[in-house]
Protein backbone atom coordinates (compact mmCIF):
# COMPACT_ATOMS: atom_id res chain seq x y z
CA GLU A 1 130.97 131.23 118.27
CA GLU A 2 134.72 131.00 117.84
CA GLN A 3 135.62 128.70 114.96
CA LEU A 4 138.78 127.53 113.24
CA VAL A 5 138.81 125.51 110.03
CA GLU A 6 141.98 123.97 108.66
CA SER A 7 142.73 122.93 105.09
CA GLY A 8 145.65 121.84 102.97
CA GLY A 9 146.55 118.50 104.46
CA GLY A 10 147.19 115.40 102.41
CA LEU A 11 149.73 112.84 101.34
CA VAL A 12 153.26 114.04 100.61
CA GLN A 13 156.52 112.27 99.95
CA SER A 14 159.39 112.43 102.38
CA GLY A 15 161.43 115.57 101.71
CA GLY A 16 158.44 117.37 100.31
CA SER A 17 156.63 120.52 101.35
CA LEU A 18 153.11 121.42 102.37
CA ARG A 19 151.18 124.55 103.21
CA LEU A 20 148.31 124.42 105.64
CA SER A 21 145.72 127.16 106.06
CA CYS A 22 143.31 127.99 108.86
CA VAL A 23 140.42 130.40 108.57
CA ALA A 24 139.12 131.92 111.79
CA SER A 25 135.75 133.39 112.63
CA GLY A 26 133.81 134.57 115.66
CA PHE A 27 136.58 136.56 117.36
CA ASP A 28 139.02 139.39 116.69
CA PHE A 29 141.74 137.34 115.01
CA SER A 30 144.22 140.23 114.95
CA LYS A 31 144.41 140.41 118.74
CA TYR A 32 145.36 136.83 119.58
CA VAL A 33 148.35 134.57 119.33
CA MET A 34 147.60 131.76 116.86
CA GLY A 35 149.37 128.49 116.35
CA TRP A 36 149.57 124.92 115.22
CA VAL A 37 149.75 121.75 117.24
CA ARG A 38 149.85 118.21 115.93
CA GLN A 39 149.05 114.74 117.12
CA PRO A 40 151.13 111.89 115.73
CA PRO A 41 149.44 108.48 115.64
CA GLY A 42 149.18 107.07 119.15
CA LYS A 43 150.75 110.11 120.78
CA GLY A 44 149.68 113.31 122.49
CA LEU A 45 149.47 116.83 121.21
CA GLU A 46 152.73 118.69 120.59
CA TRP A 47 153.60 122.19 119.51
CA VAL A 48 154.58 122.88 115.94
CA SER A 49 154.59 126.66 115.90
CA PHE A 50 152.79 129.76 117.08
CA ILE A 51 152.87 133.38 116.00
CA ASN A 52 152.09 136.60 117.77
CA PRO A 53 149.49 139.08 116.48
CA ASN A 54 152.12 141.36 114.96
CA GLY A 55 153.24 138.52 112.70
CA TYR A 56 156.90 139.21 113.42
CA SER A 57 157.59 137.10 116.48
CA SER A 58 156.94 133.42 116.66
CA TYR A 59 157.89 130.25 118.44
CA ASN A 60 159.16 127.16 116.68
CA PRO A 61 160.47 124.23 118.77
CA ASP A 62 164.15 123.50 118.25
CA SER A 63 163.30 119.83 117.82
CA LEU A 64 161.64 120.61 114.48
CA GLN A 65 164.88 122.10 113.14
CA GLY A 66 163.29 125.14 111.51
CA ARG A 67 161.24 123.08 109.08
CA PHE A 68 157.93 124.66 110.08
CA THR A 69 157.01 128.34 110.00
CA SER A 70 153.79 130.11 110.87
CA ALA A 71 152.52 133.16 109.05
CA ARG A 72 149.30 135.11 109.30
CA ASP A 73 147.15 137.51 107.36
CA ASN A 74 145.11 139.45 109.88
CA ALA A 75 142.97 141.09 107.20
CA LYS A 76 141.91 137.67 105.92
CA LYS A 77 141.71 136.13 109.41
CA THR A 78 143.90 133.35 108.12
CA LEU A 79 146.80 131.48 109.65
CA TYR A 80 149.29 129.50 107.60
CA LEU A 81 151.83 126.78 108.29
CA GLU A 82 154.65 126.38 105.83
CA SER A 83 156.54 123.11 106.11
CA ASN A 84 159.48 121.71 104.21
CA SER A 85 161.84 118.74 104.30
CA LEU A 86 159.00 116.68 105.69
CA LYS A 87 159.78 113.39 107.38
CA SER A 88 157.68 110.33 108.12
CA GLU A 89 157.61 111.34 111.79
CA ASP A 90 155.76 114.50 110.79
CA THR A 91 152.72 112.37 110.00
CA GLY A 92 149.73 113.24 112.11
CA THR A 93 146.68 115.41 112.50
CA TYR A 94 147.46 119.11 112.49
CA TYR A 95 145.25 121.47 114.43
CA CYS A 96 144.94 125.22 114.27
CA VAL A 97 144.67 126.73 117.75
CA LYS A 98 143.92 130.06 119.37
CA LEU A 99 145.95 131.01 122.41
CA ASP A 100 144.07 132.98 125.01
CA CYS A 101 146.54 135.87 125.15
CA PRO A 102 147.74 138.84 123.07
CA PHE A 103 151.42 137.83 123.23
CA ALA A 104 153.31 134.64 124.02
CA SER A 105 156.74 133.10 124.22
CA SER A 106 157.66 129.50 124.92
CA SER A 107 157.50 130.12 128.67
CA THR A 108 154.22 132.04 128.75
CA PRO A 109 151.50 130.15 130.65
CA CYS A 110 148.93 130.65 127.87
CA ALA A 111 151.25 128.65 125.58
CA GLN A 112 150.81 125.49 127.61
CA ILE A 113 148.97 122.97 125.44
CA GLU A 114 146.58 122.04 128.25
CA ARG A 115 145.37 125.66 128.34
CA LEU A 116 144.26 125.71 124.69
CA LYS A 117 140.50 126.07 124.52
CA VAL A 118 139.80 126.76 120.86
CA ARG A 119 140.94 124.27 118.26
CA GLY A 120 139.87 123.38 114.75
CA PRO A 121 138.72 119.90 113.65
CA GLY A 122 142.17 119.19 112.22
CA THR A 123 143.66 118.22 108.89
CA GLN A 124 145.56 115.01 108.26
CA VAL A 125 149.14 115.09 107.00
CA THR A 126 150.71 111.84 105.89
CA VAL A 127 154.36 111.73 104.88
CA SER A 128 155.34 108.64 102.94
CA SER A 129 158.91 107.39 103.13
């Protein structure tokens, strides 16, 4: 069974930083694109970042102004999300996700949120102003 488990969420002050982790099991982590989506209160899921298996190419929406970066350790089957300059609008539940493809860009069909099939239970991030 494919599983993803996030950790590292919590309460942080505006302008602060946070590092989320996601441990994967049940599939060959090193062969898939991995990423993070979030769900702000009362809103739908939105992309935060994803990273290709090689760890060198990733996608980060322009709207987030470079404040979030994905990284991965294939040997540890772990995905990370580094965030800085956090704002109150970054509050939400952050989910680790597996994309069903070996490579993706922002226009790749497998990167469409509605196509994500494997997602962790989520970790809450609350940014206080």
